[in-house]
Amino acid sequence: PFKPAMSRSQAEKALAMLNAAEKPVIVAGGGIINADASDLLIEFAEVTGVPVIPTLMGWGAIPDDHRLMAGMC
């Protein structure tokens, strides 16, 4: 599977935007499934405390009964 990467400056910008958000949410699409990155998504959501909303193609990236699963878009 394809494993996308980001630069440190991209990661810092993304985290700054996440920290500045009043009600942050992660929208997880099919790329999470294709990259076999569900475990990393869940770990990131748990560390940050940000709820996850999967798309139809991302459904299954986070278990339906996970405390940070916020429903499907």
PDB file of N, CA and C in Angstrom:
ATOM      1  N   PRO A   1       0.822  -1.198   0.000  1.00  0.00           N
ATOM      2  CA  PRO A   1       0.000   0.000   0.000  1.00  0.00           C
ATOM      3  C   PRO A   1       0.867   1.264   0.000  1.00  0.00           C
ATOM      4  N   PHE A   2       0.329   2.321  -0.591  1.00  0.00           N
ATOM      5  CA  PHE A   2       1.010   3.610  -0.648  1.00  0.00           C
ATOM      6  C   PHE A   2       1.010   4.250   0.731  1.00  0.00           C
ATOM      7  N   LYS A   3       2.164   4.708   1.183  1.00  0.00           N
ATOM      8  CA  LYS A   3       2.295   5.373   2.478  1.00  0.00           C
ATOM      9  C   LYS A   3       2.693   6.823   2.241  1.00  0.00           C
ATOM     10  N   PRO A   4       1.732   7.741   2.249  1.00  0.00           N
ATOM     11  CA  PRO A   4       2.079   9.141   2.033  1.00  0.00           C
ATOM     12  C   PRO A   4       2.921   9.677   3.177  1.00  0.00           C
ATOM     13  N   ALA A   5       3.716  10.679   2.887  1.00  0.00           N
ATOM     14  CA  ALA A   5       4.567  11.293   3.906  1.00  0.00           C
ATOM     15  C   ALA A   5       4.385  12.800   3.848  1.00  0.00           C
ATOM     16  N   MET A   6       4.773  13.465   4.920  1.00  0.00           N
ATOM     17  CA  MET A   6       4.727  14.921   4.939  1.00  0.00           C
ATOM     18  C   MET A   6       6.007  15.462   5.541  1.00  0.00           C
ATOM     19  N   SER A   7       6.292  16.692   5.208  1.00  0.00           N
ATOM     20  CA  SER A   7       7.471  17.342   5.765  1.00  0.00           C
ATOM     21  C   SER A   7       7.159  17.804   7.185  1.00  0.00           C
ATOM     22  N   ARG A   8       8.184  18.133   7.921  1.00  0.00           N
ATOM     23  CA  ARG A   8       7.993  18.631   9.284  1.00  0.00           C
ATOM     24  C   ARG A   8       7.153  19.910   9.273  1.00  0.00           C
ATOM     25  N   SER A   9       7.424  20.809   8.324  1.00  0.00           N
ATOM     26  CA  SER A   9       6.667  22.067   8.276  1.00  0.00           C
ATOM     27  C   SER A   9       5.191  21.809   7.957  1.00  0.00           C
ATOM     28  N   GLN A  10       4.908  20.825   7.117  1.00  0.00           N
ATOM     29  CA  GLN A  10       3.515  20.475   6.827  1.00  0.00           C
ATOM     30  C   GLN A  10       2.832  19.923   8.079  1.00  0.00           C
ATOM     31  N   ALA A  11       3.542  19.076   8.819  1.00  0.00           N
ATOM     32  CA  ALA A  11       2.987  18.507  10.051  1.00  0.00           C
ATOM     33  C   ALA A  11       2.734  19.605  11.079  1.00  0.00           C
ATOM     34  N   GLU A  12       3.675  20.528  11.215  1.00  0.00           N
ATOM     35  CA  GLU A  12       3.509  21.621  12.172  1.00  0.00           C
ATOM     36  C   GLU A  12       2.323  22.504  11.800  1.00  0.00           C
ATOM     37  N   LYS A  13       2.145  22.769  10.514  1.00  0.00           N
ATOM     38  CA  LYS A  13       1.015  23.586  10.061  1.00  0.00           C
ATOM     39  C   LYS A  13      -0.305  22.873  10.348  1.00  0.00           C
ATOM     40  N   ALA A  14      -0.357  21.582  10.062  1.00  0.00           N
ATOM     41  CA  ALA A  14      -1.576  20.809  10.315  1.00  0.00           C
ATOM     42  C   ALA A  14      -1.912  20.787  11.804  1.00  0.00           C
ATOM     43  N   LEU A  15      -0.909  20.596  12.653  1.00  0.00           N
ATOM     44  CA  LEU A  15      -1.151  20.576  14.099  1.00  0.00           C
ATOM     45  C   LEU A  15      -1.575  21.949  14.605  1.00  0.00           C
ATOM     46  N   ALA A  16      -0.995  23.015  14.054  1.00  0.00           N
ATOM     47  CA  ALA A  16      -1.392  24.370  14.447  1.00  0.00           C
ATOM     48  C   ALA A  16      -2.856  24.616  14.091  1.00  0.00           C
ATOM     49  N   MET A  17      -3.262  24.171  12.911  1.00  0.00           N
ATOM     50  CA  MET A  17      -4.658  24.327  12.498  1.00  0.00           C
ATOM     51  C   MET A  17      -5.583  23.508  13.399  1.00  0.00           C
ATOM     52  N   LEU A  18      -5.158  22.315  13.750  1.00  0.00           N
ATOM     53  CA  LEU A  18      -5.945  21.453  14.626  1.00  0.00           C
ATOM     54  C   LEU A  18      -6.092  22.095  16.002  1.00  0.00           C
ATOM     55  N   ASN A  19      -4.998  22.625  16.532  1.00  0.00           N
ATOM     56  CA  ASN A  19      -5.029  23.264  17.848  1.00  0.00           C
ATOM     57  C   ASN A  19      -5.869  24.536  17.854  1.00  0.00           C
ATOM     58  N   ALA A  20      -5.936  25.227  16.733  1.00  0.00           N
ATOM     59  CA  ALA A  20      -6.696  26.475  16.643  1.00  0.00           C
ATOM     60  C   ALA A  20      -8.195  26.239  16.436  1.00  0.00           C
ATOM     61  N   ALA A  21      -8.560  25.051  16.030  1.00  0.00           N
ATOM     62  CA  ALA A  21      -9.966  24.752  15.738  1.00  0.00           C
ATOM     63  C   ALA A  21     -10.799  24.717  17.018  1.00  0.00           C
ATOM     64  N   GLU A  22     -12.006  25.275  16.951  1.00  0.00           N
ATOM     65  CA  GLU A  22     -12.903  25.245  18.104  1.00  0.00           C
ATOM     66  C   GLU A  22     -13.494  23.857  18.312  1.00  0.00           C
ATOM     67  N   LYS A  23     -13.873  23.207  17.229  1.00  0.00           N
ATOM     68  CA  LYS A  23     -14.455  21.863  17.296  1.00  0.00           C
ATOM     69  C   LYS A  23     -13.820  21.010  16.207  1.00  0.00           C
ATOM     70  N   PRO A  24     -12.585  20.573  16.433  1.00  0.00           N
ATOM     71  CA  PRO A  24     -11.897  19.806  15.387  1.00  0.00           C
ATOM     72  C   PRO A  24     -12.536  18.440  15.168  1.00  0.00           C
ATOM     73  N   VAL A  25     -12.392  17.954  13.962  1.00  0.00           N
ATOM     74  CA  VAL A  25     -12.868  16.625  13.600  1.00  0.00           C
ATOM     75  C   VAL A  25     -11.961  16.096  12.489  1.00  0.00           C
ATOM     76  N   ILE A  26     -11.740  14.814  12.487  1.00  0.00           N
ATOM     77  CA  ILE A  26     -10.959  14.168  11.435  1.00  0.00           C
ATOM     78  C   ILE A  26     -11.940  13.482  10.495  1.00  0.00           C
ATOM     79  N   VAL A  27     -11.881  13.821   9.218  1.00  0.00           N
ATOM     80  CA  VAL A  27     -12.688  13.142   8.205  1.00  0.00           C
ATOM     81  C   VAL A  27     -11.782  12.113   7.542  1.00  0.00           C
ATOM     82  N   ALA A  28     -12.078  10.850   7.770  1.00  0.00           N
ATOM     83  CA  ALA A  28     -11.236   9.756   7.285  1.00  0.00           C
ATOM     84  C   ALA A  28     -11.853   9.138   6.035  1.00  0.00           C
ATOM     85  N   GLY A  29     -11.153   9.247   4.928  1.00  0.00           N
ATOM     86  CA  GLY A  29     -11.625   8.693   3.667  1.00  0.00           C
ATOM     87  C   GLY A  29     -10.993   7.355   3.342  1.00  0.00           C
ATOM     88  N   GLY A  30     -11.221   6.918   2.140  1.00  0.00           N
ATOM     89  CA  GLY A  30     -10.719   5.628   1.688  1.00  0.00           C
ATOM     90  C   GLY A  30      -9.208   5.529   1.651  1.00  0.00           C
ATOM     91  N   GLY A  31      -8.522   6.663   1.617  1.00  0.00           N
ATOM     92  CA  GLY A  31      -7.059   6.642   1.626  1.00  0.00           C
ATOM     93  C   GLY A  31      -6.499   5.996   2.881  1.00  0.00           C
ATOM     94  N   ILE A  32      -7.202   6.142   3.990  1.00  0.00           N
ATOM     95  CA  ILE A  32      -6.770   5.501   5.243  1.00  0.00           C
ATOM     96  C   ILE A  32      -6.789   3.986   5.067  1.00  0.00           C
ATOM     97  N   ILE A  33      -7.840   3.485   4.455  1.00  0.00           N
ATOM     98  CA  ILE A  33      -7.960   2.042   4.209  1.00  0.00           C
ATOM     99  C   ILE A  33      -6.893   1.600   3.207  1.00  0.00           C
ATOM    100  N   ASN A  34      -6.772   2.331   2.093  1.00  0.00           N
ATOM    101  CA  ASN A  34      -5.807   1.964   1.046  1.00  0.00           C
ATOM    102  C   ASN A  34      -4.374   1.961   1.549  1.00  0.00           C
ATOM    103  N   ALA A  35      -4.054   2.867   2.468  1.00  0.00           N
ATOM    104  CA  ALA A  35      -2.694   2.956   3.002  1.00  0.00           C
ATOM    105  C   ALA A  35      -2.494   2.038   4.205  1.00  0.00           C
ATOM    106  N   ASP A  36      -3.513   1.280   4.571  1.00  0.00           N
ATOM    107  CA  ASP A  36      -3.444   0.388   5.732  1.00  0.00           C
ATOM    108  C   ASP A  36      -3.012   1.175   6.974  1.00  0.00           C
ATOM    109  N   ALA A  37      -3.635   2.351   7.152  1.00  0.00           N
ATOM    110  CA  ALA A  37      -3.219   3.269   8.211  1.00  0.00           C
ATOM    111  C   ALA A  37      -4.274   3.451   9.303  1.00  0.00           C
ATOM    112  N   SER A  38      -5.202   2.525   9.411  1.00  0.00           N
ATOM    113  CA  SER A  38      -6.257   2.653  10.416  1.00  0.00           C
ATOM    114  C   SER A  38      -5.702   2.724  11.832  1.00  0.00           C
ATOM    115  N   ASP A  39      -4.714   1.897  12.125  1.00  0.00           N
ATOM    116  CA  ASP A  39      -4.129   1.914  13.472  1.00  0.00           C
ATOM    117  C   ASP A  39      -3.489   3.265  13.776  1.00  0.00           C
ATOM    118  N   LEU A  40      -2.818   3.856  12.785  1.00  0.00           N
ATOM    119  CA  LEU A  40      -2.203   5.172  12.981  1.00  0.00           C
ATOM    120  C   LEU A  40      -3.270   6.249  13.154  1.00  0.00           C
ATOM    121  N   LEU A  41      -4.354   6.149  12.398  1.00  0.00           N
ATOM    122  CA  LEU A  41      -5.461   7.093  12.542  1.00  0.00           C
ATOM    123  C   LEU A  41      -6.025   7.034  13.956  1.00  0.00           C
ATOM    124  N   ILE A  42      -6.288   5.841  14.434  1.00  0.00           N
ATOM    125  CA  ILE A  42      -6.858   5.674  15.771  1.00  0.00           C
ATOM    126  C   ILE A  42      -5.896   6.201  16.825  1.00  0.00           C
ATOM    127  N   GLU A  43      -4.617   5.891  16.680  1.00  0.00           N
ATOM    128  CA  GLU A  43      -3.619   6.385  17.635  1.00  0.00           C
ATOM    129  C   GLU A  43      -3.598   7.917  17.642  1.00  0.00           C
ATOM    130  N   PHE A  44      -3.605   8.534  16.458  1.00  0.00           N
ATOM    131  CA  PHE A  44      -3.597   9.992  16.363  1.00  0.00           C
ATOM    132  C   PHE A  44      -4.852  10.582  17.001  1.00  0.00           C
ATOM    133  N   ALA A  45      -6.006   9.997  16.710  1.00  0.00           N
ATOM    134  CA  ALA A  45      -7.258  10.486  17.287  1.00  0.00           C
ATOM    135  C   ALA A  45      -7.235  10.378  18.809  1.00  0.00           C
ATOM    136  N   GLU A  46      -6.723   9.275  19.329  1.00  0.00           N
ATOM    137  CA  GLU A  46      -6.667   9.086  20.776  1.00  0.00           C
ATOM    138  C   GLU A  46      -5.696  10.057  21.434  1.00  0.00           C
ATOM    139  N   VAL A  47      -4.546  10.277  20.827  1.00  0.00           N
ATOM    140  CA  VAL A  47      -3.554  11.204  21.392  1.00  0.00           C
ATOM    141  C   VAL A  47      -4.098  12.632  21.396  1.00  0.00           C
ATOM    142  N   THR A  48      -4.782  13.013  20.333  1.00  0.00           N
ATOM    143  CA  THR A  48      -5.287  14.382  20.216  1.00  0.00           C
ATOM    144  C   THR A  48      -6.681  14.557  20.808  1.00  0.00           C
ATOM    145  N   GLY A  49      -7.411  13.459  20.978  1.00  0.00           N
ATOM    146  CA  GLY A  49      -8.778  13.541  21.481  1.00  0.00           C
ATOM    147  C   GLY A  49      -9.765  14.067  20.455  1.00  0.00           C
ATOM    148  N   VAL A  50      -9.407  13.973  19.174  1.00  0.00           N
ATOM    149  CA  VAL A  50     -10.245  14.506  18.100  1.00  0.00           C
ATOM    150  C   VAL A  50     -11.155  13.401  17.554  1.00  0.00           C
ATOM    151  N   PRO A  51     -12.468  13.660  17.473  1.00  0.00           N
ATOM    152  CA  PRO A  51     -13.389  12.670  16.921  1.00  0.00           C
ATOM    153  C   PRO A  51     -13.130  12.401  15.437  1.00  0.00           C
ATOM    154  N   VAL A  52     -13.502  11.211  15.014  1.00  0.00           N
ATOM    155  CA  VAL A  52     -13.307  10.783  13.627  1.00  0.00           C
ATOM    156  C   VAL A  52     -14.663  10.539  12.973  1.00  0.00           C
ATOM    157  N   ILE A  53     -14.825  11.098  11.770  1.00  0.00           N
ATOM    158  CA  ILE A  53     -16.010  10.844  10.953  1.00  0.00           C
ATOM    159  C   ILE A  53     -15.525  10.209   9.653  1.00  0.00           C
ATOM    160  N   PRO A  54     -15.764   8.916   9.458  1.00  0.00           N
ATOM    161  CA  PRO A  54     -15.347   8.294   8.200  1.00  0.00           C
ATOM    162  C   PRO A  54     -16.337   8.585   7.073  1.00  0.00           C
ATOM    163  N   THR A  55     -15.816   8.655   5.874  1.00  0.00           N
ATOM    164  CA  THR A  55     -16.663   8.713   4.684  1.00  0.00           C
ATOM    165  C   THR A  55     -17.123   7.290   4.384  1.00  0.00           C
ATOM    166  N   LEU A  56     -17.955   7.143   3.377  1.00  0.00           N
ATOM    167  CA  LEU A  56     -18.398   5.807   2.986  1.00  0.00           C
ATOM    168  C   LEU A  56     -17.202   4.923   2.645  1.00  0.00           C
ATOM    169  N   MET A  57     -16.238   5.479   1.900  1.00  0.00           N
ATOM    170  CA  MET A  57     -15.062   4.695   1.511  1.00  0.00           C
ATOM    171  C   MET A  57     -14.090   4.489   2.676  1.00  0.00           C
ATOM    172  N   GLY A  58     -14.211   5.286   3.736  1.00  0.00           N
ATOM    173  CA  GLY A  58     -13.345   5.147   4.901  1.00  0.00           C
ATOM    174  C   GLY A  58     -13.987   4.391   6.050  1.00  0.00           C
ATOM    175  N   TRP A  59     -15.233   3.948   5.824  1.00  0.00           N
ATOM    176  CA  TRP A  59     -15.940   3.222   6.871  1.00  0.00           C
ATOM    177  C   TRP A  59     -15.147   1.978   7.243  1.00  0.00           C
ATOM    178  N   GLY A  60     -14.943   1.772   8.526  1.00  0.00           N
ATOM    179  CA  GLY A  60     -14.149   0.653   9.013  1.00  0.00           C
ATOM    180  C   GLY A  60     -12.762   1.094   9.442  1.00  0.00           C
ATOM    181  N   ALA A  61     -12.398   2.343   9.141  1.00  0.00           N
ATOM    182  CA  ALA A  61     -11.081   2.843   9.543  1.00  0.00           C
ATOM    183  C   ALA A  61     -10.989   2.983  11.055  1.00  0.00           C
ATOM    184  N   ILE A  62     -12.121   3.197  11.687  1.00  0.00           N
ATOM    185  CA  ILE A  62     -12.212   3.264  13.147  1.00  0.00           C
ATOM    186  C   ILE A  62     -13.429   2.430  13.537  1.00  0.00           C
ATOM    187  N   PRO A  63     -13.315   1.606  14.563  1.00  0.00           N
ATOM    188  CA  PRO A  63     -14.446   0.757  14.935  1.00  0.00           C
ATOM    189  C   PRO A  63     -15.697   1.583  15.268  1.00  0.00           C
ATOM    190  N   ASP A  64     -16.854   1.070  14.911  1.00  0.00           N
ATOM    191  CA  ASP A  64     -18.114   1.767  15.167  1.00  0.00           C
ATOM    192  C   ASP A  64     -18.342   2.035  16.654  1.00  0.00           C
ATOM    193  N   ASP A  65     -17.773   1.194  17.522  1.00  0.00           N
ATOM    194  CA  ASP A  65     -17.982   1.364  18.959  1.00  0.00           C
ATOM    195  C   ASP A  65     -16.843   2.126  19.649  1.00  0.00           C
ATOM    196  N   HIS A  66     -15.919   2.684  18.883  1.00  0.00           N
ATOM    197  CA  HIS A  66     -14.821   3.456  19.479  1.00  0.00           C
ATOM    198  C   HIS A  66     -15.382   4.763  20.031  1.00  0.00           C
ATOM    199  N   ARG A  67     -14.873   5.215  21.170  1.00  0.00           N
ATOM    200  CA  ARG A  67     -15.389   6.419  21.827  1.00  0.00           C
ATOM    201  C   ARG A  67     -15.222   7.672  20.976  1.00  0.00           C
ATOM    202  N   LEU A  68     -14.271   7.672  20.027  1.00  0.00           N
ATOM    203  CA  LEU A  68     -14.046   8.836  19.174  1.00  0.00           C
ATOM    204  C   LEU A  68     -14.703   8.713  17.797  1.00  0.00           C
ATOM    205  N   MET A  69     -15.443   7.639  17.581  1.00  0.00           N
ATOM    206  CA  MET A  69     -16.203   7.484  16.332  1.00  0.00           C
ATOM    207  C   MET A  69     -17.410   8.408  16.428  1.00  0.00           C
ATOM    208  N   ALA A  70     -17.500   9.370  15.507  1.00  0.00           N
ATOM    209  CA  ALA A  70     -18.549  10.392  15.596  1.00  0.00           C
ATOM    210  C   ALA A  70     -19.640  10.209  14.547  1.00  0.00           C
ATOM    211  N   GLY A  71     -19.744   9.046  13.970  1.00  0.00           N
ATOM    212  CA  GLY A  71     -20.747   8.802  12.941  1.00  0.00           C
ATOM    213  C   GLY A  71     -20.140   8.911  11.558  1.00  0.00           C
ATOM    214  N   MET A  72     -20.906   8.544  10.566  1.00  0.00           N
ATOM    215  CA  MET A  72     -20.403   8.544   9.190  1.00  0.00           C
ATOM    216  C   MET A  72     -20.956   9.743   8.439  1.00  0.00           C
ATOM    217  N   CYS A  73     -20.100  10.324   7.537  1.00  0.00           N
ATOM    218  CA  CYS A  73     -20.617  11.460   6.752  1.00  0.00           C
ATOM    219  C   CYS A  73     -21.253  10.983   5.481  1.00  0.00           C
TER     220      CYS A  73
END
